């Protein structure tokens, strides 16, 4: 990841600016840091949603979901189930049981 800093300008509504300032104050950050944090979180969520949609549309496999999200296979299953996406026709309980079995067998 390139850590070179680039200055940008943006235009916000007064309401959005108030929300931003409220967030920054609540998290004891300056505006620039708050904007970076919120932008990072939003981009991460957008990426996660795209990955979930790609899985739903059979464009990627469950293993690829895990790889792209940077999580373990069973965590990817949990994420998909929480998003309401069927995973190999498993219930949340079945996923939890598999997760526990994997942990028992691994450790």
PDB file of N, CA and C in Angstrom:
ATOM      1  N   UNK A   1       0.842  -1.173   0.000  1.00  0.00           N
ATOM      2  CA  UNK A   1       0.000   0.000   0.000  1.00  0.00           C
ATOM      3  C   UNK A   1       0.890   1.240   0.000  1.00  0.00           C
ATOM      4  N   UNK A   2       0.611   2.164  -0.901  1.00  0.00           N
ATOM      5  CA  UNK A   2       1.377   3.399  -0.998  1.00  0.00           C
ATOM      6  C   UNK A   2       0.947   4.341   0.122  1.00  0.00           C
ATOM      7  N   UNK A   3       1.892   4.806   0.908  1.00  0.00           N
ATOM      8  CA  UNK A   3       1.569   5.667   2.048  1.00  0.00           C
ATOM      9  C   UNK A   3       1.791   7.143   1.744  1.00  0.00           C
ATOM     10  N   UNK A   4       2.038   7.469   0.478  1.00  0.00           N
ATOM     11  CA  UNK A   4       2.193   8.870   0.103  1.00  0.00           C
ATOM     12  C   UNK A   4       0.872   9.593   0.362  1.00  0.00           C
ATOM     13  N   UNK A   5       0.956  10.742   1.001  1.00  0.00           N
ATOM     14  CA  UNK A   5      -0.234  11.506   1.359  1.00  0.00           C
ATOM     15  C   UNK A   5      -0.528  12.527   0.269  1.00  0.00           C
ATOM     16  N   UNK A   6      -1.792  12.598  -0.132  1.00  0.00           N
ATOM     17  CA  UNK A   6      -2.228  13.541  -1.152  1.00  0.00           C
ATOM     18  C   UNK A   6      -3.369  14.363  -0.569  1.00  0.00           C
ATOM     19  N   UNK A   7      -3.297  15.653  -0.707  1.00  0.00           N
ATOM     20  CA  UNK A   7      -4.349  16.540  -0.191  1.00  0.00           C
ATOM     21  C   UNK A   7      -5.459  16.646  -1.236  1.00  0.00           C
ATOM     22  N   UNK A   8      -6.716  16.539  -0.775  1.00  0.00           N
ATOM     23  CA  UNK A   8      -7.867  16.711  -1.656  1.00  0.00           C
ATOM     24  C   UNK A   8      -8.831  17.708  -1.024  1.00  0.00           C
ATOM     25  N   UNK A   9      -9.715  18.233  -1.836  1.00  0.00           N
ATOM     26  CA  UNK A   9     -10.773  19.114  -1.350  1.00  0.00           C
ATOM     27  C   UNK A   9     -12.110  18.466  -1.653  1.00  0.00           C
ATOM     28  N   UNK A  10     -13.103  18.744  -0.838  1.00  0.00           N
ATOM     29  CA  UNK A  10     -14.433  18.207  -1.075  1.00  0.00           C
ATOM     30  C   UNK A  10     -15.465  19.219  -0.603  1.00  0.00           C
ATOM     31  N   UNK A  11     -16.671  19.054  -1.073  1.00  0.00           N
ATOM     32  CA  UNK A  11     -17.774  19.914  -0.673  1.00  0.00           C
ATOM     33  C   UNK A  11     -18.796  19.062   0.061  1.00  0.00           C
ATOM     34  N   UNK A  12     -19.233  19.526   1.226  1.00  0.00           N
ATOM     35  CA  UNK A  12     -20.206  18.801   2.041  1.00  0.00           C
ATOM     36  C   UNK A  12     -21.392  19.703   2.348  1.00  0.00           C
ATOM     37  N   UNK A  13     -22.536  19.088   2.557  1.00  0.00           N
ATOM     38  CA  UNK A  13     -23.677  19.859   3.047  1.00  0.00           C
ATOM     39  C   UNK A  13     -23.411  20.210   4.501  1.00  0.00           C
ATOM     40  N   UNK A  14     -24.092  21.214   4.999  1.00  0.00           N
ATOM     41  CA  UNK A  14     -23.906  21.602   6.396  1.00  0.00           C
ATOM     42  C   UNK A  14     -24.306  20.464   7.332  1.00  0.00           C
ATOM     43  N   UNK A  15     -25.370  19.746   6.980  1.00  0.00           N
ATOM     44  CA  UNK A  15     -25.804  18.618   7.817  1.00  0.00           C
ATOM     45  C   UNK A  15     -24.734  17.533   7.874  1.00  0.00           C
ATOM     46  N   UNK A  16     -24.158  17.214   6.727  1.00  0.00           N
ATOM     47  CA  UNK A  16     -23.115  16.187   6.696  1.00  0.00           C
ATOM     48  C   UNK A  16     -21.880  16.653   7.468  1.00  0.00           C
ATOM     49  N   UNK A  17     -21.548  17.915   7.349  1.00  0.00           N
ATOM     50  CA  UNK A  17     -20.411  18.457   8.090  1.00  0.00           C
ATOM     51  C   UNK A  17     -20.660  18.372   9.599  1.00  0.00           C
ATOM     52  N   UNK A  18     -21.888  18.662  10.026  1.00  0.00           N
ATOM     53  CA  UNK A  18     -22.221  18.537  11.455  1.00  0.00           C
ATOM     54  C   UNK A  18     -22.067  17.087  11.917  1.00  0.00           C
ATOM     55  N   UNK A  19     -22.531  16.148  11.095  1.00  0.00           N
ATOM     56  CA  UNK A  19     -22.388  14.732  11.450  1.00  0.00           C
ATOM     57  C   UNK A  19     -20.916  14.340  11.518  1.00  0.00           C
ATOM     58  N   UNK A  20     -20.142  14.817  10.570  1.00  0.00           N
ATOM     59  CA  UNK A  20     -18.705  14.536  10.558  1.00  0.00           C
ATOM     60  C   UNK A  20     -18.039  15.095  11.807  1.00  0.00           C
ATOM     61  N   UNK A  21     -18.344  16.332  12.135  1.00  0.00           N
ATOM     62  CA  UNK A  21     -17.756  16.949  13.325  1.00  0.00           C
ATOM     63  C   UNK A  21     -18.185  16.224  14.594  1.00  0.00           C
ATOM     64  N   UNK A  22     -19.427  15.778  14.628  1.00  0.00           N
ATOM     65  CA  UNK A  22     -19.919  15.027  15.783  1.00  0.00           C
ATOM     66  C   UNK A  22     -19.152  13.713  15.925  1.00  0.00           C
ATOM     67  N   UNK A  23     -18.957  13.017  14.798  1.00  0.00           N
ATOM     68  CA  UNK A  23     -18.188  11.772  14.801  1.00  0.00           C
ATOM     69  C   UNK A  23     -16.762  12.036  15.278  1.00  0.00           C
ATOM     70  N   UNK A  24     -16.144  13.070  14.727  1.00  0.00           N
ATOM     71  CA  UNK A  24     -14.757  13.398  15.079  1.00  0.00           C
ATOM     72  C   UNK A  24     -14.637  13.707  16.567  1.00  0.00           C
ATOM     73  N   UNK A  25     -15.573  14.482  17.081  1.00  0.00           N
ATOM     74  CA  UNK A  25     -15.533  14.832  18.505  1.00  0.00           C
ATOM     75  C   UNK A  25     -15.732  13.589  19.374  1.00  0.00           C
ATOM     76  N   UNK A  26     -16.692  12.768  18.994  1.00  0.00           N
ATOM     77  CA  UNK A  26     -16.977  11.545  19.757  1.00  0.00           C
ATOM     78  C   UNK A  26     -15.766  10.621  19.804  1.00  0.00           C
ATOM     79  N   UNK A  27     -15.013  10.572  18.714  1.00  0.00           N
ATOM     80  CA  UNK A  27     -13.844   9.691  18.632  1.00  0.00           C
ATOM     81  C   UNK A  27     -12.536  10.418  18.931  1.00  0.00           C
ATOM     82  N   UNK A  28     -12.659  11.658  19.366  1.00  0.00           N
ATOM     83  CA  UNK A  28     -11.503  12.482  19.724  1.00  0.00           C
ATOM     84  C   UNK A  28     -10.462  12.523  18.599  1.00  0.00           C
ATOM     85  N   UNK A  29     -10.962  12.817  17.409  1.00  0.00           N
ATOM     86  CA  UNK A  29     -10.110  12.910  16.224  1.00  0.00           C
ATOM     87  C   UNK A  29     -10.320  14.261  15.559  1.00  0.00           C
ATOM     88  N   UNK A  30      -9.369  14.659  14.736  1.00  0.00           N
ATOM     89  CA  UNK A  30      -9.579  15.860  13.929  1.00  0.00           C
ATOM     90  C   UNK A  30     -10.386  15.473  12.689  1.00  0.00           C
ATOM     91  N   UNK A  31     -10.860  16.459  11.962  1.00  0.00           N
ATOM     92  CA  UNK A  31     -11.700  16.196  10.790  1.00  0.00           C
ATOM     93  C   UNK A  31     -11.016  15.291   9.767  1.00  0.00           C
ATOM     94  N   UNK A  32      -9.763  15.577   9.471  1.00  0.00           N
ATOM     95  CA  UNK A  32      -9.051  14.797   8.448  1.00  0.00           C
ATOM     96  C   UNK A  32      -8.969  13.326   8.828  1.00  0.00           C
ATOM     97  N   UNK A  33      -8.644  13.071  10.080  1.00  0.00           N
ATOM     98  CA  UNK A  33      -8.552  11.683  10.548  1.00  0.00           C
ATOM     99  C   UNK A  33      -9.924  11.028  10.508  1.00  0.00           C
ATOM    100  N   UNK A  34     -10.951  11.755  10.934  1.00  0.00           N
ATOM    101  CA  UNK A  34     -12.313  11.216  10.910  1.00  0.00           C
ATOM    102  C   UNK A  34     -12.730  10.873   9.484  1.00  0.00           C
ATOM    103  N   UNK A  35     -12.421  11.753   8.546  1.00  0.00           N
ATOM    104  CA  UNK A  35     -12.764  11.490   7.141  1.00  0.00           C
ATOM    105  C   UNK A  35     -12.048  10.240   6.649  1.00  0.00           C
ATOM    106  N   UNK A  36     -10.758  10.111   6.951  1.00  0.00           N
ATOM    107  CA  UNK A  36     -10.006   8.916   6.527  1.00  0.00           C
ATOM    108  C   UNK A  36     -10.602   7.652   7.133  1.00  0.00           C
ATOM    109  N   UNK A  37     -10.941   7.693   8.430  1.00  0.00           N
ATOM    110  CA  UNK A  37     -11.521   6.518   9.092  1.00  0.00           C
ATOM    111  C   UNK A  37     -12.850   6.129   8.445  1.00  0.00           C
ATOM    112  N   UNK A  38     -13.702   7.126   8.234  1.00  0.00           N
ATOM    113  CA  UNK A  38     -15.016   6.850   7.655  1.00  0.00           C
ATOM    114  C   UNK A  38     -14.905   6.377   6.214  1.00  0.00           C
ATOM    115  N   UNK A  39     -14.006   6.967   5.454  1.00  0.00           N
ATOM    116  CA  UNK A  39     -13.806   6.562   4.070  1.00  0.00           C
ATOM    117  C   UNK A  39     -13.276   5.134   3.995  1.00  0.00           C
ATOM    118  N   UNK A  40     -12.314   4.816   4.855  1.00  0.00           N
ATOM    119  CA  UNK A  40     -11.770   3.460   4.897  1.00  0.00           C
ATOM    120  C   UNK A  40     -12.868   2.448   5.236  1.00  0.00           C
ATOM    121  N   UNK A  41     -13.679   2.754   6.258  1.00  0.00           N
ATOM    122  CA  UNK A  41     -14.757   1.847   6.670  1.00  0.00           C
ATOM    123  C   UNK A  41     -15.785   1.677   5.551  1.00  0.00           C
ATOM    124  N   UNK A  42     -16.129   2.767   4.884  1.00  0.00           N
ATOM    125  CA  UNK A  42     -17.114   2.698   3.804  1.00  0.00           C
ATOM    126  C   UNK A  42     -16.592   1.874   2.634  1.00  0.00           C
ATOM    127  N   UNK A  43     -15.341   2.094   2.245  1.00  0.00           N
ATOM    128  CA  UNK A  43     -14.768   1.337   1.132  1.00  0.00           C
ATOM    129  C   UNK A  43     -14.661  -0.147   1.464  1.00  0.00           C
ATOM    130  N   UNK A  44     -14.316  -0.446   2.708  1.00  0.00           N
ATOM    131  CA  UNK A  44     -14.230  -1.842   3.145  1.00  0.00           C
ATOM    132  C   UNK A  44     -15.610  -2.501   3.073  1.00  0.00           C
ATOM    133  N   UNK A  45     -16.640  -1.790   3.509  1.00  0.00           N
ATOM    134  CA  UNK A  45     -18.005  -2.322   3.477  1.00  0.00           C
ATOM    135  C   UNK A  45     -18.491  -2.500   2.040  1.00  0.00           C
ATOM    136  N   UNK A  46     -18.188  -1.545   1.175  1.00  0.00           N
ATOM    137  CA  UNK A  46     -18.571  -1.648  -0.233  1.00  0.00           C
ATOM    138  C   UNK A  46     -17.889  -2.853  -0.873  1.00  0.00           C
ATOM    139  N   UNK A  47     -16.615  -3.039  -0.589  1.00  0.00           N
ATOM    140  CA  UNK A  47     -15.874  -4.181  -1.117  1.00  0.00           C
ATOM    141  C   UNK A  47     -16.474  -5.493  -0.619  1.00  0.00           C
ATOM    142  N   UNK A  48     -16.786  -5.543   0.672  1.00  0.00           N
ATOM    143  CA  UNK A  48     -17.395  -6.742   1.263  1.00  0.00           C
ATOM    144  C   UNK A  48     -18.724  -7.053   0.574  1.00  0.00           C
ATOM    145  N   UNK A  49     -19.544  -6.033   0.347  1.00  0.00           N
ATOM    146  CA  UNK A  49     -20.834  -6.246  -0.314  1.00  0.00           C
ATOM    147  C   UNK A  49     -20.658  -6.738  -1.742  1.00  0.00           C
ATOM    148  N   UNK A  50     -19.637  -6.234  -2.442  1.00  0.00           N
ATOM    149  CA  UNK A  50     -19.381  -6.701  -3.806  1.00  0.00           C
ATOM    150  C   UNK A  50     -18.969  -8.169  -3.797  1.00  0.00           C
ATOM    151  N   UNK A  51     -18.123  -8.532  -2.854  1.00  0.00           N
ATOM    152  CA  UNK A  51     -17.680  -9.923  -2.740  1.00  0.00           C
ATOM    153  C   UNK A  51     -18.874 -10.827  -2.447  1.00  0.00           C
ATOM    154  N   UNK A  52     -19.747 -10.403  -1.542  1.00  0.00           N
ATOM    155  CA  UNK A  52     -20.948 -11.179  -1.214  1.00  0.00           C
ATOM    156  C   UNK A  52     -21.828 -11.327  -2.454  1.00  0.00           C
ATOM    157  N   UNK A  53     -22.020 -10.243  -3.197  1.00  0.00           N
ATOM    158  CA  UNK A  53     -22.834 -10.312  -4.416  1.00  0.00           C
ATOM    159  C   UNK A  53     -22.192 -11.200  -5.470  1.00  0.00           C
ATOM    160  N   UNK A  54     -20.875 -11.142  -5.589  1.00  0.00           N
ATOM    161  CA  UNK A  54     -20.185 -12.023  -6.534  1.00  0.00           C
ATOM    162  C   UNK A  54     -20.413 -13.484  -6.170  1.00  0.00           C
ATOM    163  N   UNK A  55     -20.397 -13.795  -4.878  1.00  0.00           N
ATOM    164  CA  UNK A  55     -20.659 -15.168  -4.443  1.00  0.00           C
ATOM    165  C   UNK A  55     -22.106 -15.546  -4.755  1.00  0.00           C
ATOM    166  N   UNK A  56     -23.043 -14.641  -4.436  1.00  0.00           N
ATOM    167  CA  UNK A  56     -24.461 -14.913  -4.701  1.00  0.00           C
ATOM    168  C   UNK A  56     -24.708 -15.183  -6.175  1.00  0.00           C
ATOM    169  N   UNK A  57     -23.965 -14.503  -7.035  1.00  0.00           N
ATOM    170  CA  UNK A  57     -24.140 -14.647  -8.478  1.00  0.00           C
ATOM    171  C   UNK A  57     -23.213 -15.703  -9.078  1.00  0.00           C
ATOM    172  N   UNK A  58     -22.650 -16.545  -8.201  1.00  0.00           N
ATOM    173  CA  UNK A  58     -21.794 -17.661  -8.619  1.00  0.00           C
ATOM    174  C   UNK A  58     -20.585 -17.221  -9.442  1.00  0.00           C
ATOM    175  N   UNK A  59     -20.069 -16.032  -9.153  1.00  0.00           N
ATOM    176  CA  UNK A  59     -18.877 -15.556  -9.851  1.00  0.00           C
ATOM    177  C   UNK A  59     -17.606 -15.983  -9.136  1.00  0.00           C
ATOM    178  N   UNK A  60     -17.706 -16.231  -7.824  1.00  0.00           N
ATOM    179  CA  UNK A  60     -16.551 -16.669  -7.042  1.00  0.00           C
ATOM    180  C   UNK A  60     -16.983 -17.776  -6.086  1.00  0.00           C
ATOM    181  N   UNK A  61     -16.012 -18.540  -5.627  1.00  0.00           N
ATOM    182  CA  UNK A  61     -16.279 -19.640  -4.703  1.00  0.00           C
ATOM    183  C   UNK A  61     -16.211 -19.150  -3.255  1.00  0.00           C
ATOM    184  N   UNK A  62     -16.648 -20.002  -2.355  1.00  0.00           N
ATOM    185  CA  UNK A  62     -16.577 -19.687  -0.932  1.00  0.00           C
ATOM    186  C   UNK A  62     -15.124 -19.478  -0.502  1.00  0.00           C
ATOM    187  N   UNK A  63     -14.244 -20.301  -1.009  1.00  0.00           N
ATOM    188  CA  UNK A  63     -12.826 -20.152  -0.677  1.00  0.00           C
ATOM    189  C   UNK A  63     -12.297 -18.798  -1.168  1.00  0.00           C
ATOM    190  N   UNK A  64     -12.741 -18.365  -2.339  1.00  0.00           N
ATOM    191  CA  UNK A  64     -12.332 -17.057  -2.849  1.00  0.00           C
ATOM    192  C   UNK A  64     -12.909 -15.926  -1.992  1.00  0.00           C
ATOM    193  N   UNK A  65     -14.130 -16.115  -1.490  1.00  0.00           N
ATOM    194  CA  UNK A  65     -14.721 -15.128  -0.577  1.00  0.00           C
ATOM    195  C   UNK A  65     -13.804 -14.962   0.632  1.00  0.00           C
ATOM    196  N   UNK A  66     -13.411 -16.084   1.224  1.00  0.00           N
ATOM    197  CA  UNK A  66     -12.538 -16.044   2.403  1.00  0.00           C
ATOM    198  C   UNK A  66     -11.224 -15.344   2.074  1.00  0.00           C
ATOM    199  N   UNK A  67     -10.650 -15.694   0.937  1.00  0.00           N
ATOM    200  CA  UNK A  67      -9.367 -15.105   0.530  1.00  0.00           C
ATOM    201  C   UNK A  67      -9.489 -13.596   0.322  1.00  0.00           C
ATOM    202  N   UNK A  68     -10.519 -13.175  -0.401  1.00  0.00           N
ATOM    203  CA  UNK A  68     -10.704 -11.749  -0.692  1.00  0.00           C
ATOM    204  C   UNK A  68     -11.017 -10.938   0.561  1.00  0.00           C
ATOM    205  N   UNK A  69     -11.736 -11.547   1.514  1.00  0.00           N
ATOM    206  CA  UNK A  69     -12.057 -10.849   2.761  1.00  0.00           C
ATOM    207  C   UNK A  69     -10.921 -10.940   3.775  1.00  0.00           C
ATOM    208  N   UNK A  70      -9.966 -11.825   3.520  1.00  0.00           N
ATOM    209  CA  UNK A  70      -8.842 -11.983   4.441  1.00  0.00           C
ATOM    210  C   UNK A  70      -9.239 -12.662   5.735  1.00  0.00           C
ATOM    211  N   UNK A  71     -10.175 -13.625   5.627  1.00  0.00           N
ATOM    212  CA  UNK A  71     -10.657 -14.341   6.811  1.00  0.00           C
ATOM    213  C   UNK A  71     -10.564 -15.842   6.569  1.00  0.00           C
ATOM    214  N   UNK A  72     -10.756 -16.606   7.638  1.00  0.00           N
ATOM    215  CA  UNK A  72     -10.771 -18.062   7.525  1.00  0.00           C
ATOM    216  C   UNK A  72     -12.033 -18.512   6.775  1.00  0.00           C
ATOM    217  N   UNK A  73     -11.974 -19.703   6.230  1.00  0.00           N
ATOM    218  CA  UNK A  73     -13.081 -20.281   5.458  1.00  0.00           C
ATOM    219  C   UNK A  73     -14.386 -20.240   6.244  1.00  0.00           C
ATOM    220  N   UNK A  74     -14.346 -20.719   7.493  1.00  0.00           N
ATOM    221  CA  UNK A  74     -15.577 -20.754   8.299  1.00  0.00           C
ATOM    222  C   UNK A  74     -16.066 -19.355   8.642  1.00  0.00           C
ATOM    223  N   UNK A  75     -15.156 -18.378   8.758  1.00  0.00           N
ATOM    224  CA  UNK A  75     -15.576 -16.992   9.008  1.00  0.00           C
ATOM    225  C   UNK A  75     -16.301 -16.435   7.786  1.00  0.00           C
ATOM    226  N   UNK A  76     -15.826 -16.799   6.602  1.00  0.00           N
ATOM    227  CA  UNK A  76     -16.500 -16.380   5.372  1.00  0.00           C
ATOM    228  C   UNK A  76     -17.907 -16.956   5.334  1.00  0.00           C
ATOM    229  N   UNK A  77     -18.051 -18.194   5.779  1.00  0.00           N
ATOM    230  CA  UNK A  77     -19.380 -18.808   5.844  1.00  0.00           C
ATOM    231  C   UNK A  77     -20.280 -18.009   6.780  1.00  0.00           C
ATOM    232  N   UNK A  78     -19.762 -17.647   7.948  1.00  0.00           N
ATOM    233  CA  UNK A  78     -20.530 -16.846   8.911  1.00  0.00           C
ATOM    234  C   UNK A  78     -20.955 -15.514   8.300  1.00  0.00           C
ATOM    235  N   UNK A  79     -20.043 -14.854   7.620  1.00  0.00           N
ATOM    236  CA  UNK A  79     -20.332 -13.553   7.010  1.00  0.00           C
ATOM    237  C   UNK A  79     -21.446 -13.686   5.978  1.00  0.00           C
ATOM    238  N   UNK A  80     -21.374 -14.719   5.162  1.00  0.00           N
ATOM    239  CA  UNK A  80     -22.403 -14.933   4.147  1.00  0.00           C
ATOM    240  C   UNK A  80     -23.756 -15.242   4.781  1.00  0.00           C
ATOM    241  N   UNK A  81     -23.758 -16.095   5.793  1.00  0.00           N
ATOM    242  CA  UNK A  81     -25.012 -16.435   6.473  1.00  0.00           C
ATOM    243  C   UNK A  81     -25.615 -15.188   7.118  1.00  0.00           C
ATOM    244  N   UNK A  82     -24.780 -14.383   7.775  1.00  0.00           N
ATOM    245  CA  UNK A  82     -25.268 -13.148   8.400  1.00  0.00           C
ATOM    246  C   UNK A  82     -25.837 -12.187   7.365  1.00  0.00           C
ATOM    247  N   UNK A  83     -25.332 -12.254   6.134  1.00  0.00           N
ATOM    248  CA  UNK A  83     -25.834 -11.408   5.053  1.00  0.00           C
ATOM    249  C   UNK A  83     -27.065 -12.021   4.392  1.00  0.00           C
ATOM    250  N   UNK A  84     -27.502 -13.180   4.898  1.00  0.00           N
ATOM    251  CA  UNK A  84     -28.689 -13.829   4.359  1.00  0.00           C
ATOM    252  C   UNK A  84     -28.440 -14.607   3.081  1.00  0.00           C
ATOM    253  N   UNK A  85     -27.191 -14.964   2.851  1.00  0.00           N
ATOM    254  CA  UNK A  85     -26.824 -15.694   1.641  1.00  0.00           C
ATOM    255  C   UNK A  85     -26.685 -17.172   1.982  1.00  0.00           C
ATOM    256  N   UNK A  86     -27.427 -18.036   1.283  1.00  0.00           N
ATOM    257  CA  UNK A  86     -27.298 -19.473   1.544  1.00  0.00           C
ATOM    258  C   UNK A  86     -25.887 -19.960   1.212  1.00  0.00           C
ATOM    259  N   UNK A  87     -25.349 -20.765   2.108  1.00  0.00           N
ATOM    260  CA  UNK A  87     -24.009 -21.310   1.921  1.00  0.00           C
ATOM    261  C   UNK A  87     -24.134 -22.819   1.937  1.00  0.00           C
ATOM    262  N   UNK A  88     -23.994 -23.415   0.777  1.00  0.00           N
ATOM    263  CA  UNK A  88     -24.053 -24.873   0.678  1.00  0.00           C
ATOM    264  C   UNK A  88     -25.235 -25.440   1.456  1.00  0.00           C
ATOM    265  N   UNK A  89     -26.322 -24.700   1.492  1.00  0.00           N
ATOM    266  CA  UNK A  89     -27.538 -25.129   2.188  1.00  0.00           C
ATOM    267  C   UNK A  89     -27.304 -25.471   3.649  1.00  0.00           C
ATOM    268  N   UNK A  90     -26.378 -24.789   4.296  1.00  0.00           N
ATOM    269  CA  UNK A  90     -26.107 -25.019   5.713  1.00  0.00           C
ATOM    270  C   UNK A  90     -26.801 -23.962   6.554  1.00  0.00           C
ATOM    271  N   UNK A  91     -27.290 -24.375   7.721  1.00  0.00           N
ATOM    272  CA  UNK A  91     -27.855 -23.416   8.659  1.00  0.00           C
ATOM    273  C   UNK A  91     -26.721 -22.801   9.465  1.00  0.00           C
ATOM    274  N   UNK A  92     -27.033 -21.730  10.169  1.00  0.00           N
ATOM    275  CA  UNK A  92     -26.025 -21.081  11.009  1.00  0.00           C
ATOM    276  C   UNK A  92     -25.517 -22.069  12.065  1.00  0.00           C
ATOM    277  N   UNK A  93     -26.409 -22.898  12.588  1.00  0.00           N
ATOM    278  CA  UNK A  93     -26.022 -23.896  13.600  1.00  0.00           C
ATOM    279  C   UNK A  93     -25.057 -24.926  13.007  1.00  0.00           C
ATOM    280  N   UNK A  94     -25.331 -25.363  11.773  1.00  0.00           N
ATOM    281  CA  UNK A  94     -24.441 -26.327  11.127  1.00  0.00           C
ATOM    282  C   UNK A  94     -23.061 -25.716  10.876  1.00  0.00           C
ATOM    283  N   UNK A  95     -23.045 -24.455  10.500  1.00  0.00           N
ATOM    284  CA  UNK A  95     -21.763 -23.779  10.298  1.00  0.00           C
ATOM    285  C   UNK A  95     -21.006 -23.705  11.611  1.00  0.00           C
ATOM    286  N   UNK A  96     -21.707 -23.361  12.696  1.00  0.00           N
ATOM    287  CA  UNK A  96     -21.075 -23.274  14.017  1.00  0.00           C
ATOM    288  C   UNK A  96     -20.508 -24.633  14.422  1.00  0.00           C
ATOM    289  N   UNK A  97     -21.256 -25.709  14.168  1.00  0.00           N
ATOM    290  CA  UNK A  97     -20.778 -27.056  14.494  1.00  0.00           C
ATOM    291  C   UNK A  97     -19.520 -27.397  13.699  1.00  0.00           C
ATOM    292  N   UNK A  98     -19.515 -27.048  12.407  1.00  0.00           N
ATOM    293  CA  UNK A  98     -18.329 -27.302  11.585  1.00  0.00           C
ATOM    294  C   UNK A  98     -17.136 -26.489  12.087  1.00  0.00           C
ATOM    295  N   UNK A  99     -17.405 -25.247  12.453  1.00  0.00           N
ATOM    296  CA  UNK A  99     -16.351 -24.368  12.969  1.00  0.00           C
ATOM    297  C   UNK A  99     -15.732 -24.977  14.223  1.00  0.00           C
ATOM    298  N   UNK A 100     -16.563 -25.464  15.137  1.00  0.00           N
ATOM    299  CA  UNK A 100     -16.066 -26.072  16.372  1.00  0.00           C
ATOM    300  C   UNK A 100     -15.269 -27.332  16.063  1.00  0.00           C
ATOM    301  N   UNK A 101     -15.737 -28.118  15.100  1.00  0.00           N
ATOM    302  CA  UNK A 101     -15.015 -29.333  14.730  1.00  0.00           C
ATOM    303  C   UNK A 101     -13.644 -28.989  14.155  1.00  0.00           C
ATOM    304  N   UNK A 102     -13.599 -27.983  13.299  1.00  0.00           N
ATOM    305  CA  UNK A 102     -12.321 -27.561  12.715  1.00  0.00           C
ATOM    306  C   UNK A 102     -11.375 -27.094  13.809  1.00  0.00           C
ATOM    307  N   UNK A 103     -11.898 -26.296  14.750  1.00  0.00           N
ATOM    308  CA  UNK A 103     -11.061 -25.803  15.846  1.00  0.00           C
ATOM    309  C   UNK A 103     -10.553 -26.952  16.713  1.00  0.00           C
ATOM    310  N   UNK A 104     -11.411 -27.939  16.981  1.00  0.00           N
ATOM    311  CA  UNK A 104     -10.995 -29.102  17.786  1.00  0.00           C
ATOM    312  C   UNK A 104      -9.906 -29.883  17.065  1.00  0.00           C
ATOM    313  N   UNK A 105     -10.102 -30.084  15.763  1.00  0.00           N
ATOM    314  CA  UNK A 105      -9.141 -30.866  14.985  1.00  0.00           C
ATOM    315  C   UNK A 105      -7.823 -30.122  14.771  1.00  0.00           C
ATOM    316  N   UNK A 106      -7.882 -28.788  14.800  1.00  0.00           N
ATOM    317  CA  UNK A 106      -6.697 -27.976  14.535  1.00  0.00           C
ATOM    318  C   UNK A 106      -5.848 -27.774  15.774  1.00  0.00           C
ATOM    319  N   UNK A 107      -6.489 -27.584  16.924  1.00  0.00           N
ATOM    320  CA  UNK A 107      -5.746 -27.227  18.134  1.00  0.00           C
ATOM    321  C   UNK A 107      -5.571 -28.388  19.039  1.00  0.00           C
TER     322      UNK A 107
END
